[in-house]
C-alpha atoms as a PDB file:
ATOM      1  CA  MET A   1     -10.870   3.350 -71.410  1.00  0.00           C
ATOM      2  CA  GLU A   2      -9.468   6.028 -69.423  1.00  0.00           C
ATOM      3  CA  ASP A   3      -7.629   3.421 -67.506  1.00  0.00           C
ATOM      4  CA  ALA A   4      -6.263   1.702 -70.251  1.00  0.00           C
ATOM      5  CA  GLU A   5      -4.953   4.801 -71.633  1.00  0.00           C
ATOM      6  CA  THR A   6      -3.709   5.786 -68.025  1.00  0.00           C
ATOM      7  CA  LYS A   7      -1.711   2.422 -67.919  1.00  0.00           C
ATOM      8  CA  ASN A   8      -0.229   2.901 -71.392  1.00  0.00           C
ATOM      9  CA  SER A   9       1.241   5.930 -70.404  1.00  0.00           C
ATOM     10  CA  MET A  10       2.503   4.739 -67.001  1.00  0.00           C
ATOM     11  CA  GLN A  11       4.363   2.273 -69.019  1.00  0.00           C
ATOM     12  CA  THR A  12       5.449   4.541 -71.442  1.00  0.00           C
ATOM     13  CA  CYS A  13       7.050   6.370 -68.597  1.00  0.00           C
ATOM     14  CA  GLU A  14       8.798   3.412 -66.949  1.00  0.00           C
ATOM     15  CA  SER A  15      10.158   2.678 -70.408  1.00  0.00           C
ATOM     16  CA  PHE A  16      11.812   6.349 -70.766  1.00  0.00           C
ATOM     17  CA  GLY A  17      13.286   6.037 -67.491  1.00  0.00           C
ATOM     18  CA  LYS A  18      14.922   2.984 -67.996  1.00  0.00           C
ATOM     19  CA  ASN A  19      16.280   3.873 -71.357  1.00  0.00           C
ATOM     20  CA  ASN A  20      16.452   7.848 -70.858  1.00  0.00           C
ATOM     21  CA  VAL A  21      17.974   8.041 -67.447  1.00  0.00           C
ATOM     22  CA  HIS A  22      21.088  10.277 -68.607  1.00  0.00           C
ATOM     23  CA  ASP A  23      18.893  12.336 -70.835  1.00  0.00           C
ATOM     24  CA  TRP A  24      16.660  12.882 -67.886  1.00  0.00           C
ATOM     25  CA  ARG A  25      19.061  13.862 -65.437  1.00  0.00           C
ATOM     26  CA  ALA A  26      20.795  16.180 -68.101  1.00  0.00           C
ATOM     27  CA  ALA A  27      17.520  17.853 -69.200  1.00  0.00           C
ATOM     28  CA  PRO A  28      16.550  21.289 -67.810  1.00  0.00           C
ATOM     29  CA  PRO A  29      13.444  20.877 -65.784  1.00  0.00           C
ATOM     30  CA  LYS A  30       9.915  21.270 -66.945  1.00  0.00           C
ATOM     31  CA  SER A  31       7.160  23.122 -65.821  1.00  0.00           C
ATOM     32  CA  PRO A  32       4.549  20.790 -63.826  1.00  0.00           C
ATOM     33  CA  ASP A  33       1.703  22.584 -66.249  1.00  0.00           C
ATOM     34  CA  SER A  34       3.699  21.284 -69.637  1.00  0.00           C
ATOM     35  CA  CYS A  35       4.356  17.918 -70.840  1.00  0.00           C
ATOM     36  CA  ALA A  36       5.740  16.543 -74.342  1.00  0.00           C
ATOM     37  CA  PRO A  37       3.347  14.344 -76.000  1.00  0.00           C
ATOM     38  CA  SER A  38       5.660  11.747 -75.236  1.00  0.00           C
ATOM     39  CA  GLU A  39       5.483  12.266 -71.498  1.00  0.00           C
ATOM     40  CA  GLU A  40       1.742  12.504 -71.118  1.00  0.00           C
ATOM     41  CA  CYS A  41       2.305  10.333 -68.297  1.00  0.00           C
ATOM     42  CA  ILE A  42       3.370  12.844 -66.478  1.00  0.00           C
ATOM     43  CA  ARG A  43       0.242  14.906 -67.062  1.00  0.00           C
ATOM     44  CA  VAL A  44      -1.686  11.783 -65.883  1.00  0.00           C
ATOM     45  CA  LYS A  45       0.216  11.149 -62.669  1.00  0.00           C
ATOM     46  CA  ALA A  46      -0.187  15.130 -61.851  1.00  0.00           C
ATOM     47  CA  ARG A  47      -4.078  14.628 -62.219  1.00  0.00           C
ATOM     48  CA  MET A  48      -4.358  11.598 -60.155  1.00  0.00           C
ATOM     49  CA  ASN A  49      -2.193  13.227 -57.313  1.00  0.00           C
ATOM     50  CA  SER A  50      -4.336  16.198 -57.393  1.00  0.00           C
ATOM     51  CA  ILE A  51      -7.369  14.131 -57.350  1.00  0.00           C
ATOM     52  CA  PHE A  52      -6.014  12.174 -54.500  1.00  0.00           C
ATOM     53  CA  PHE A  53      -5.021  15.068 -52.500  1.00  0.00           C
ATOM     54  CA  GLY A  54      -8.266  16.724 -52.956  1.00  0.00           C
ATOM     55  CA  LYS A  55     -10.377  14.147 -51.608  1.00  0.00           C
ATOM     56  CA  GLN A  56      -8.286  13.306 -48.420  1.00  0.00           C
ATOM     57  CA  ARG A  57      -6.921  16.569 -47.697  1.00  0.00           C
ATOM     58  CA  LYS A  58      -9.478  17.307 -45.028  1.00  0.00           C
ATOM     59  CA  THR A  59      -9.366  13.972 -43.656  1.00  0.00           C
ATOM     60  CA  TRP A  60      -5.429  14.075 -43.081  1.00  0.00           C
ATOM     61  CA  ARG A  61      -5.959  17.552 -41.688  1.00  0.00           C
ATOM     62  CA  ALA A  62      -8.982  16.020 -39.084  1.00  0.00           C
ATOM     63  CA  GLY A  63      -6.812  13.078 -38.368  1.00  0.00           C
ATOM     64  CA  ALA A  64      -3.586  15.195 -37.807  1.00  0.00           C
ATOM     65  CA  GLY A  65      -5.392  17.296 -35.390  1.00  0.00           C
ATOM     66  CA  ILE A  66      -6.425  14.170 -33.542  1.00  0.00           C
ATOM     67  CA  VAL A  67      -3.159  12.705 -33.474  1.00  0.00           C
ATOM     68  CA  LEU A  68      -1.327  16.153 -32.093  1.00  0.00           C
ATOM     69  CA  ARG A  69      -4.059  16.444 -29.516  1.00  0.00           C
ATOM     70  CA  ALA A  70      -3.307  13.299 -28.247  1.00  0.00           C
ATOM     71  CA  VAL A  71       0.621  13.437 -28.295  1.00  0.00           C
ATOM     72  CA  SER A  72       0.025  17.047 -26.469  1.00  0.00           C
ATOM     73  CA  ALA A  73      -2.411  15.002 -23.716  1.00  0.00           C
ATOM     74  CA  GLY A  74       0.162  12.466 -23.313  1.00  0.00           C
ATOM     75  CA  LEU A  75       2.939  15.012 -22.539  1.00  0.00           C
ATOM     76  CA  PHE A  76       0.999  16.743 -20.286  1.00  0.00           C
ATOM     77  CA  LEU A  77      -0.044  13.909 -18.253  1.00  0.00           C
ATOM     78  CA  PHE A  78       3.672  12.493 -18.771  1.00  0.00           C
ATOM     79  CA  ALA A  79       4.586  15.970 -17.230  1.00  0.00           C
ATOM     80  CA  ALA A  80       2.402  15.723 -14.379  1.00  0.00           C
ATOM     81  CA  ALA A  81       3.360  12.356 -12.742  1.00  0.00           C
ATOM     82  CA  GLN A  82       6.640  13.511 -13.154  1.00  0.00           C
ATOM     83  CA  PRO A  83       6.574  15.116  -9.512  1.00  0.00           C
ATOM     84  CA  ALA A  84       4.365  12.443  -7.632  1.00  0.00           C
ATOM     85  CA  ALA A  85       7.107  10.051  -9.299  1.00  0.00           C
ATOM     86  CA  ARG A  86      10.133  11.699  -7.999  1.00  0.00           C
ATOM     87  CA  LEU A  87       8.012  11.721  -4.489  1.00  0.00           C
ATOM     88  CA  MET A  88       7.699   8.169  -4.689  1.00  0.00           C
ATOM     89  CA  ALA A  89      11.116   7.778  -5.843  1.00  0.00           C
ATOM     90  CA  GLN A  90      12.727   9.787  -3.007  1.00  0.00           C
ATOM     91  CA  SER A  91      10.463   8.085  -0.415  1.00  0.00           C
ATOM     92  CA  GLU A  92      11.554   4.858  -1.397  1.00  0.00           C
ATOM     93  CA  ARG A  93      15.262   5.958  -1.306  1.00  0.00           C
ATOM     94  CA  ASP A  94      14.853   7.963   1.961  1.00  0.00           C
ATOM     95  CA  PRO A  95      14.702   5.663   5.069  1.00  0.00           C
ATOM     96  CA  VAL A  96      13.159   8.656   7.300  1.00  0.00           C
ATOM     97  CA  ALA A  97      10.227   9.279   5.050  1.00  0.00           C
ATOM     98  CA  GLN A  98       9.497   5.611   5.178  1.00  0.00           C
ATOM     99  CA  PHE A  99       9.520   5.148   8.962  1.00  0.00           C
ATOM    100  CA  ARG A 100       7.612   8.489   9.415  1.00  0.00           C
ATOM    101  CA  GLN A 101       5.102   7.026   7.037  1.00  0.00           C
ATOM    102  CA  ILE A 102       4.706   3.563   8.889  1.00  0.00           C
ATOM    103  CA  ALA A 103       4.562   4.987  11.954  1.00  0.00           C
ATOM    104  CA  ASP A 104       1.586   7.044  10.964  1.00  0.00           C
ATOM    105  CA  ASP A 105       0.105   3.845   9.461  1.00  0.00           C
ATOM    106  CA  LEU A 106       0.418   1.967  12.557  1.00  0.00           C
ATOM    107  CA  SER A 107      -1.317   4.737  14.420  1.00  0.00           C
ATOM    108  CA  ALA A 108      -4.048   5.359  12.074  1.00  0.00           C
ATOM    109  CA  ALA A 109      -4.926   1.261  11.998  1.00  0.00           C
ATOM    110  CA  ARG A 110      -4.848   1.164  15.814  1.00  0.00           C
ATOM    111  CA  GLN A 111      -7.456   3.902  15.877  1.00  0.00           C
ATOM    112  CA  GLY A 112      -9.342   2.704  12.936  1.00  0.00           C
ATOM    113  CA  GLY A 113      -9.495  -0.710  14.465  1.00  0.00           C
ATOM    114  CA  GLY A 114      -7.899  -2.477  11.681  1.00  0.00           C
ATOM    115  CA  GLU A 115      -5.460  -5.109  11.768  1.00  0.00           C
ATOM    116  CA  GLU A 116      -1.685  -4.475  12.315  1.00  0.00           C
ATOM    117  CA  ASN A 117       0.958  -5.127  10.322  1.00  0.00           C
ATOM    118  CA  GLN A 118       3.700  -6.969  11.816  1.00  0.00           C
ATOM    119  CA  GLU A 119       6.220  -7.321   9.273  1.00  0.00           C
ATOM    120  CA  ARG A 120       5.869  -3.251   8.614  1.00  0.00           C
ATOM    121  CA  THR A 121       5.831  -2.873  12.618  1.00  0.00           C
ATOM    122  CA  GLU A 122       9.397  -4.660  12.706  1.00  0.00           C
ATOM    123  CA  LYS A 123      10.993  -2.698   9.919  1.00  0.00           C
ATOM    124  CA  ALA A 124      10.327   0.362  11.563  1.00  0.00           C
ATOM    125  CA  LEU A 125      11.513  -0.747  15.023  1.00  0.00           C
ATOM    126  CA  ALA A 126      14.639  -2.453  12.841  1.00  0.00           C
ATOM    127  CA  PHE A 127      15.009   1.539  11.245  1.00  0.00           C
ATOM    128  CA  LEU A 128      15.284   2.705  15.268  1.00  0.00           C
ATOM    129  CA  ASP A 129      17.905  -0.450  16.129  1.00  0.00           C
ATOM    130  CA  SER A 130      20.110   0.976  13.029  1.00  0.00           C
ATOM    131  CA  LEU A 131      20.128   4.420  14.836  1.00  0.00           C
ATOM    132  CA  ALA A 132      20.737   3.298  18.459  1.00  0.00           C
ATOM    133  CA  ILE A 133      23.329   0.678  18.345  1.00  0.00           C
ATOM    134  CA  PRO A 134      25.830   2.885  16.652  1.00  0.00           C
ATOM    135  CA  VAL A 135      25.153   5.497  19.072  1.00  0.00           C
ATOM    136  CA  LEU A 136      25.611   2.755  22.090  1.00  0.00           C
ATOM    137  CA  ASN A 137      29.299   1.860  20.775  1.00  0.00           C
ATOM    138  CA  VAL A 138      30.672   5.302  20.540  1.00  0.00           C
ATOM    139  CA  PRO A 139      33.424   5.248  23.372  1.00  0.00           C
ATOM    140  CA  PRO A 140      33.714   5.972  25.991  1.00  0.00           C
ATOM    141  CA  ILE A 141      29.889   6.434  26.808  1.00  0.00           C
ATOM    142  CA  PRO A 142      27.007   7.018  24.997  1.00  0.00           C
ATOM    143  CA  HIS A 143      25.709  10.543  24.525  1.00  0.00           C
ATOM    144  CA  LEU A 144      22.086  10.244  25.220  1.00  0.00           C
ATOM    145  CA  GLU A 145      21.228  13.673  25.156  1.00  0.00           C
ATOM    146  CA  GLU A 146      22.518  14.484  21.349  1.00  0.00           C
ATOM    147  CA  ALA A 147      20.701  11.011  20.664  1.00  0.00           C
ATOM    148  CA  ASN A 148      17.624  11.433  22.061  1.00  0.00           C
ATOM    149  CA  GLN A 149      17.349  15.061  20.158  1.00  0.00           C
ATOM    150  CA  ARG A 150      17.783  13.429  16.834  1.00  0.00           C
ATOM    151  CA  LEU A 151      15.086  10.753  17.770  1.00  0.00           C
ATOM    152  CA  ALA A 152      12.917  13.261  18.416  1.00  0.00           C
ATOM    153  CA  ALA A 153      12.964  14.622  14.936  1.00  0.00           C
ATOM    154  CA  LEU A 154      11.848  11.595  13.548  1.00  0.00           C
ATOM    155  CA  ALA A 155       8.352  12.418  14.796  1.00  0.00           C
ATOM    156  CA  SER A 156       5.999  12.115  11.658  1.00  0.00           C
ATOM    157  CA  HIS A 157       3.681  14.875  13.407  1.00  0.00           C
ATOM    158  CA  THR A 158       4.042  18.302  14.702  1.00  0.00           C
ATOM    159  CA  PRO A 159       3.230  18.591  17.646  1.00  0.00           C
ATOM    160  CA  PRO A 160       4.095  15.093  17.993  1.00  0.00           C
ATOM    161  CA  VAL A 161       0.883  13.921  19.946  1.00  0.00           C
ATOM    162  CA  GLY A 162       1.583  10.481  21.752  1.00  0.00           C
ATOM    163  CA  GLU A 163       4.761   9.746  19.298  1.00  0.00           C
ATOM    164  CA  ASN A 164       8.058   9.697  21.182  1.00  0.00           C
ATOM    165  CA  TYR A 165      11.394   7.736  20.408  1.00  0.00           C
ATOM    166  CA  ARG A 166      13.855   7.802  23.648  1.00  0.00           C
ATOM    167  CA  LEU A 167      17.071   5.645  24.892  1.00  0.00           C
ATOM    168  CA  VAL A 168      16.950   5.135  28.549  1.00  0.00           C
ATOM    169  CA  LYS A 169      19.980   4.097  30.512  1.00  0.00           C
ATOM    170  CA  LEU A 170      19.273   0.953  32.760  1.00  0.00           C
ATOM    171  CA  GLY A 171      21.515  -0.986  35.256  1.00  0.00           C
ATOM    172  CA  GLY A 172      24.075  -3.405  35.280  1.00  0.00           C
ATOM    173  CA  ALA A 173      27.705  -3.523  34.511  1.00  0.00           C
ATOM    174  CA  PRO A 174      27.938  -2.577  31.782  1.00  0.00           C
ATOM    175  CA  ALA A 175      25.375  -0.876  31.507  1.00  0.00           C
ATOM    176  CA  ALA A 176      22.354  -1.703  29.597  1.00  0.00           C
ATOM    177  CA  TYR A 177      19.771   0.834  27.541  1.00  0.00           C
ATOM    178  CA  ALA A 178      16.175   0.859  26.364  1.00  0.00           C
ATOM    179  CA  MET A 179      14.758   2.278  23.672  1.00  0.00           C
ATOM    180  CA  VAL A 180      11.108   3.276  24.299  1.00  0.00           C
ATOM    181  CA  VAL A 181       9.050   3.679  21.243  1.00  0.00           C
ATOM    182  CA  ASN A 182       5.310   5.109  21.004  1.00  0.00           C
ATOM    183  CA  PHE A 183       4.158   4.901  17.299  1.00  0.00           C
ATOM    184  CA  GLY A 184       1.646   7.952  17.934  1.00  0.00           C
ATOM    185  CA  LEU A 185      -1.505   8.785  19.542  1.00  0.00           C
ATOM    186  CA  GLY A 186      -3.365   5.572  20.308  1.00  0.00           C
ATOM    187  CA  GLY A 187      -0.775   3.774  17.996  1.00  0.00           C
ATOM    188  CA  PRO A 188       1.360   0.873  19.201  1.00  0.00           C
ATOM    189  CA  ALA A 189       4.255   1.026  21.528  1.00  0.00           C
ATOM    190  CA  ALA A 190       7.031  -1.066  22.312  1.00  0.00           C
ATOM    191  CA  VAL A 191      10.600  -1.257  24.157  1.00  0.00           C
ATOM    192  CA  ARG A 192      14.021  -2.583  22.708  1.00  0.00           C
ATOM    193  CA  ILE A 193      16.428  -3.929  24.990  1.00  0.00           C
ATOM    194  CA  TYR A 194      20.310  -3.258  24.469  1.00  0.00           C
ATOM    195  CA  ALA A 195      23.349  -5.117  26.282  1.00  0.00           C
ATOM    196  CA  SER A 196      26.904  -5.253  25.710  1.00  0.00           C
ATOM    197  CA  ALA A 197      28.694  -8.759  24.618  1.00  0.00           C
ATOM    198  CA  ASP A 198      32.529  -8.756  24.248  1.00  0.00           C
ATOM    199  CA  GLY A 199      32.363  -5.044  24.375  1.00  0.00           C
ATOM    200  CA  ARG A 200      29.961  -4.420  21.828  1.00  0.00           C
ATOM    201  CA  TYR A 201      25.851  -3.491  22.123  1.00  0.00           C
ATOM    202  CA  SER A 202      23.721  -5.272  19.875  1.00  0.00           C
ATOM    203  CA  LEU A 203      19.799  -6.069  20.086  1.00  0.00           C
ATOM    204  CA  SER A 204      19.178  -8.178  23.127  1.00  0.00           C
ATOM    205  CA  ALA A 205      15.504  -8.442  23.950  1.00  0.00           C
ATOM    206  CA  LYS A 206      12.122  -7.493  22.691  1.00  0.00           C
ATOM    207  CA  ILE A 207       8.940  -6.327  24.777  1.00  0.00           C
ATOM    208  CA  ASP A 208       5.875  -5.537  22.320  1.00  0.00           C
ATOM    209  CA  HIS A 209       2.066  -7.056  21.765  1.00  0.00           C
ATOM    210  CA  PHE A 210       3.587  -9.579  19.259  1.00  0.00           C
ATOM    211  CA  VAL A 211       6.223 -11.265  21.749  1.00  0.00           C
ATOM    212  CA  GLN A 212       4.038 -10.819  24.467  1.00  0.00           C
ATOM    213  CA  LYS A 213       0.835 -11.452  23.640  1.00  0.00           C
ATOM    214  CA  ASP A 214      -0.704  -9.992  26.736  1.00  0.00           C
ATOM    215  CA  PHE A 215       1.272  -6.808  27.189  1.00  0.00           C
ATOM    216  CA  PHE A 216      -0.398  -3.351  27.279  1.00  0.00           C
ATOM    217  CA  ASP A 217       1.188  -1.626  24.437  1.00  0.00           C
ATOM    218  CA  SER A 218      -0.237   1.917  24.673  1.00  0.00           C
ATOM    219  CA  ASP A 219       1.839   5.036  25.477  1.00  0.00           C
ATOM    220  CA  ILE A 220       4.814   3.716  27.397  1.00  0.00           C
ATOM    221  CA  GLU A 221       6.896   5.087  29.867  1.00  0.00           C
ATOM    222  CA  LEU A 222       9.788   3.749  31.468  1.00  0.00           C
ATOM    223  CA  ALA A 223      11.617   3.923  34.765  1.00  0.00           C
ATOM    224  CA  SER A 224      14.722   2.428  35.790  1.00  0.00           C
ATOM    225  CA  VAL A 225      14.602   1.140  39.547  1.00  0.00           C
ATOM    226  CA  SER A 226      18.163  -0.755  39.901  1.00  0.00           C
ATOM    227  CA  ASP A 227      21.655   0.249  39.610  1.00  0.00           C
ATOM    228  CA  SER A 228      23.403  -3.188  39.679  1.00  0.00           C
ATOM    229  CA  GLU A 229      20.928  -5.199  37.473  1.00  0.00           C
ATOM    230  CA  PRO A 230      18.895  -4.275  34.305  1.00  0.00           C
ATOM    231  CA  VAL A 231      15.621  -4.118  36.595  1.00  0.00           C
ATOM    232  CA  PHE A 232      12.831  -1.392  35.271  1.00  0.00           C
ATOM    233  CA  VAL A 233       9.512  -0.927  35.121  1.00  0.00           C
ATOM    234  CA  THR A 234       7.286  -0.077  32.075  1.00  0.00           C
ATOM    235  CA  ILE A 235       3.946   2.217  32.813  1.00  0.00           C
ATOM    236  CA  SER A 236       1.181   1.948  30.012  1.00  0.00           C
ATOM    237  CA  GLY A 237      -1.739   3.990  29.242  1.00  0.00           C
ATOM    238  CA  ARG A 238      -2.592   6.860  32.090  1.00  0.00           C
ATOM    239  CA  THR A 239      -3.684   8.937  29.025  1.00  0.00           C
ATOM    240  CA  ASP A 240      -7.371   9.013  29.928  1.00  0.00           C
ATOM    241  CA  ASP A 241      -9.146  11.347  31.995  1.00  0.00           C
ATOM    242  CA  LEU A 242      -8.605   9.254  35.215  1.00  0.00           C
ATOM    243  CA  SER A 243      -5.065   8.489  34.583  1.00  0.00           C
ATOM    244  CA  THR A 244      -5.940   4.768  34.704  1.00  0.00           C
ATOM    245  CA  GLY A 245      -2.386   2.526  33.932  1.00  0.00           C
ATOM    246  CA  GLN A 246      -0.565  -0.757  34.294  1.00  0.00           C
ATOM    247  CA  PHE A 247       2.805  -1.056  35.726  1.00  0.00           C
ATOM    248  CA  THR A 248       5.037  -4.169  34.873  1.00  0.00           C
ATOM    249  CA  VAL A 249       8.476  -4.594  36.430  1.00  0.00           C
ATOM    250  CA  TRP A 250      10.935  -6.311  33.759  1.00  0.00           C
ATOM    251  CA  ARG A 251      14.372  -8.133  34.329  1.00  0.00           C
ATOM    252  CA  LEU A 252      16.692  -8.458  31.573  1.00  0.00           C
ATOM    253  CA  GLU A 253      17.913 -12.068  32.036  1.00  0.00           C
ATOM    254  CA  GLY A 254      20.553 -12.814  28.809  1.00  0.00           C
ATOM    255  CA  ASN A 255      18.888 -12.561  25.533  1.00  0.00           C
ATOM    256  CA  HIS A 256      15.290 -12.569  27.071  1.00  0.00           C
ATOM    257  CA  VAL A 257      12.961 -10.414  29.621  1.00  0.00           C
ATOM    258  CA  THR A 258      11.180 -11.939  32.532  1.00  0.00           C
ATOM    259  CA  ALA A 259       8.064  -9.993  33.938  1.00  0.00           C
ATOM    260  CA  LEU A 260       8.182  -9.703  37.931  1.00  0.00           C
ATOM    261  CA  TRP A 261       5.481  -8.162  39.090  1.00  0.00           C
ATOM    262  CA  ILE A 262       2.293  -6.529  37.041  1.00  0.00           C
ATOM    263  CA  SER A 263      -0.241  -4.300  38.462  1.00  0.00           C
ATOM    264  CA  ASP A 264      -3.733  -3.967  37.617  1.00  0.00           C
ATOM    265  CA  LEU A 265      -5.440  -1.343  35.862  1.00  0.00           C
ATOM    266  CA  LEU A 266      -4.986   1.379  38.536  1.00  0.00           C
ATOM    267  CA  GLN A 267      -7.019   4.553  38.314  1.00  0.00           C
ATOM    268  CA  GLN A 268      -5.815   7.925  39.039  1.00  0.00           C
ATOM    269  CA  SER A 269      -2.353   6.499  39.140  1.00  0.00           C
ATOM    270  CA  THR A 270       0.964   8.688  39.712  1.00  0.00           C
ATOM    271  CA  TYR A 271       4.339   7.398  40.138  1.00  0.00           C
ATOM    272  CA  GLU A 272       8.229   8.523  41.008  1.00  0.00           C
ATOM    273  CA  ALA A 273      11.382   6.536  41.115  1.00  0.00           C
ATOM    274  CA  ASP A 274      14.175   7.600  43.293  1.00  0.00           C
ATOM    275  CA  ALA A 275      17.118   6.323  45.114  1.00  0.00           C
ATOM    276  CA  SER A 276      14.440   5.077  47.877  1.00  0.00           C
ATOM    277  CA  GLY A 277      12.603   3.207  45.667  1.00  0.00           C
ATOM    278  CA  PHE A 278       9.560   3.060  43.420  1.00  0.00           C
ATOM    279  CA  HIS A 279       6.617   5.255  44.841  1.00  0.00           C
ATOM    280  CA  LEU A 280       2.941   3.957  43.394  1.00  0.00           C
ATOM    281  CA  ALA A 281      -0.083   6.482  44.252  1.00  0.00           C
ATOM    282  CA  TYR A 282      -3.288   5.088  42.921  1.00  0.00           C
ATOM    283  CA  CYS A 283      -7.141   4.956  43.956  1.00  0.00           C
ATOM    284  CA  SER A 284      -7.370   1.838  46.174  1.00  0.00           C
ATOM    285  CA  GLN A 285     -11.227   2.240  46.367  1.00  0.00           C
ATOM    286  CA  VAL A 286     -13.871   3.449  43.773  1.00  0.00           C
ATOM    287  CA  ASP A 287     -17.578   4.409  44.449  1.00  0.00           C
ATOM    288  CA  GLU A 288     -19.486   1.622  43.275  1.00  0.00           C
ATOM    289  CA  ASP A 289     -22.273   3.777  42.352  1.00  0.00           C
ATOM    290  CA  HIS A 290     -20.052   6.240  40.263  1.00  0.00           C
ATOM    291  CA  PRO A 291     -16.801   4.637  39.398  1.00  0.00           C
ATOM    292  CA  SER A 292     -15.250   7.515  38.253  1.00  0.00           C
ATOM    293  CA  ASN A 293     -15.344   8.769  41.643  1.00  0.00           C
ATOM    294  CA  CYS A 294     -12.260   7.945  44.181  1.00  0.00           C
ATOM    295  CA  VAL A 295     -13.045   7.180  48.010  1.00  0.00           C
ATOM    296  CA  LYS A 296      -9.613   6.162  48.971  1.00  0.00           C
ATOM    297  CA  MET A 297      -6.051   6.652  48.255  1.00  0.00           C
ATOM    298  CA  ALA A 298      -3.113   4.450  48.896  1.00  0.00           C
ATOM    299  CA  ARG A 299       0.261   5.157  48.026  1.00  0.00           C
ATOM    300  CA  ASP A 300       2.939   1.945  47.915  1.00  0.00           C
ATOM    301  CA  LEU A 301       6.740   1.995  48.271  1.00  0.00           C
ATOM    302  CA  TYR A 302       8.440  -0.517  46.493  1.00  0.00           C
ATOM    303  CA  ARG A 303      12.316  -1.781  46.046  1.00  0.00           C
ATOM    304  CA  TYR A 304      14.376  -4.446  44.261  1.00  0.00           C
ATOM    305  CA  GLU A 305      16.222  -6.313  46.821  1.00  0.00           C
ATOM    306  CA  GLY A 306      17.772  -9.665  46.843  1.00  0.00           C
ATOM    307  CA  ARG A 307      16.711 -10.267  42.830  1.00  0.00           C
ATOM    308  CA  GLU A 308      13.312  -9.557  44.020  1.00  0.00           C
ATOM    309  CA  TRP A 309      10.481  -7.312  43.593  1.00  0.00           C
ATOM    310  CA  LYS A 310       8.772  -5.972  47.179  1.00  0.00           C
ATOM    311  CA  ARG A 311       6.407  -3.969  48.422  1.00  0.00           C
ATOM    312  CA  VAL A 312       7.683  -2.246  51.606  1.00  0.00           C
ATOM    313  CA  GLU A 313       5.116   0.436  52.551  1.00  0.00           C
ATOM    314  CA  THR A 314       1.823   1.324  51.769  1.00  0.00           C
ATOM    315  CA  VAL A 315      -0.006   4.275  53.421  1.00  0.00           C
ATOM    316  CA  GLU A 316      -3.150   5.973  52.881  1.00  0.00           C
ATOM    317  CA  SER A 317      -3.013   9.514  51.133  1.00  0.00           C
ATOM    318  CA  PRO A 318      -5.574  12.178  50.894  1.00  0.00           C
ATOM    319  CA  VAL A 319      -8.322  11.601  47.826  1.00  0.00           C
ATOM    320  CA  PRO A 320      -8.121  14.363  45.415  1.00  0.00           C
ATOM    321  CA  LYS A 321     -10.648  16.910  45.165  1.00  0.00           C
ATOM    322  CA  GLN A 322     -12.960  16.179  41.982  1.00  0.00           C
ATOM    323  CA  THR A 323     -13.145  18.541  39.583  1.00  0.00           C
ATOM    324  CA  PRO A 324     -16.415  20.136  39.463  1.00  0.00           C
END
């Protein structure tokens, strides 16, 4: 019965609104608690609103609280994520940061026995090429000291143990240049060769274990051994307690390098390159019962003559005293 009355009252209200819109607008406002008999719909509407809000107020407040807490948490997470996002974006835009990250990853992968990523290695080496080639093309001659200072600043660790990048002048006319690359302690290593063609230097040849499968690419040093031709020696290893290293002589020929001579792994090895040739000292005989002990040392003198690598002298040298 009450629903029928409510329906009739709402219809009366609707009819009133349609037929007396001008009178309604002109009429003074009435108190919500009073209503003319002909406007009983207002009392019914107010009563329905109070019932509705009375039942829903607690639920609405609880829901609003949940929404506000969810929004606040979302804003907090968004704000917290911004520094990390900015750092990632900065790293993606900063080639130096990218290079350092790759160098660090390559070193960690080698030490951890993981697979080495050739694509990332090539990306890091290409970045070094992009730094070296403009330096080499600055007339009249490249400023290697300044360039090597900048290359040293690329190290991803301080101190940069086992990590270094250095340009070295080779022989030839015009001279060729090599960059020695060591990607950190225990990490892979490589050599990049740059030669001049038509007055412009560019990457001419590569030495790494992807190109030369048997190359001992660890803690490389390099020594030029000819003024007339780009001939040089790479020294690999020598970081263990016995200074065990391997020595390889290379010659640049056009757009590739040729290995002229490769030594065995030589224990207690030292070397020196000067005007008279390449001096190599090493343990020539070890104690079979105690392989870490040397019983005979030798010192060889090598020279690059007539486009050949020759050993021109071998002499015995004193055995260094064993450290107790």
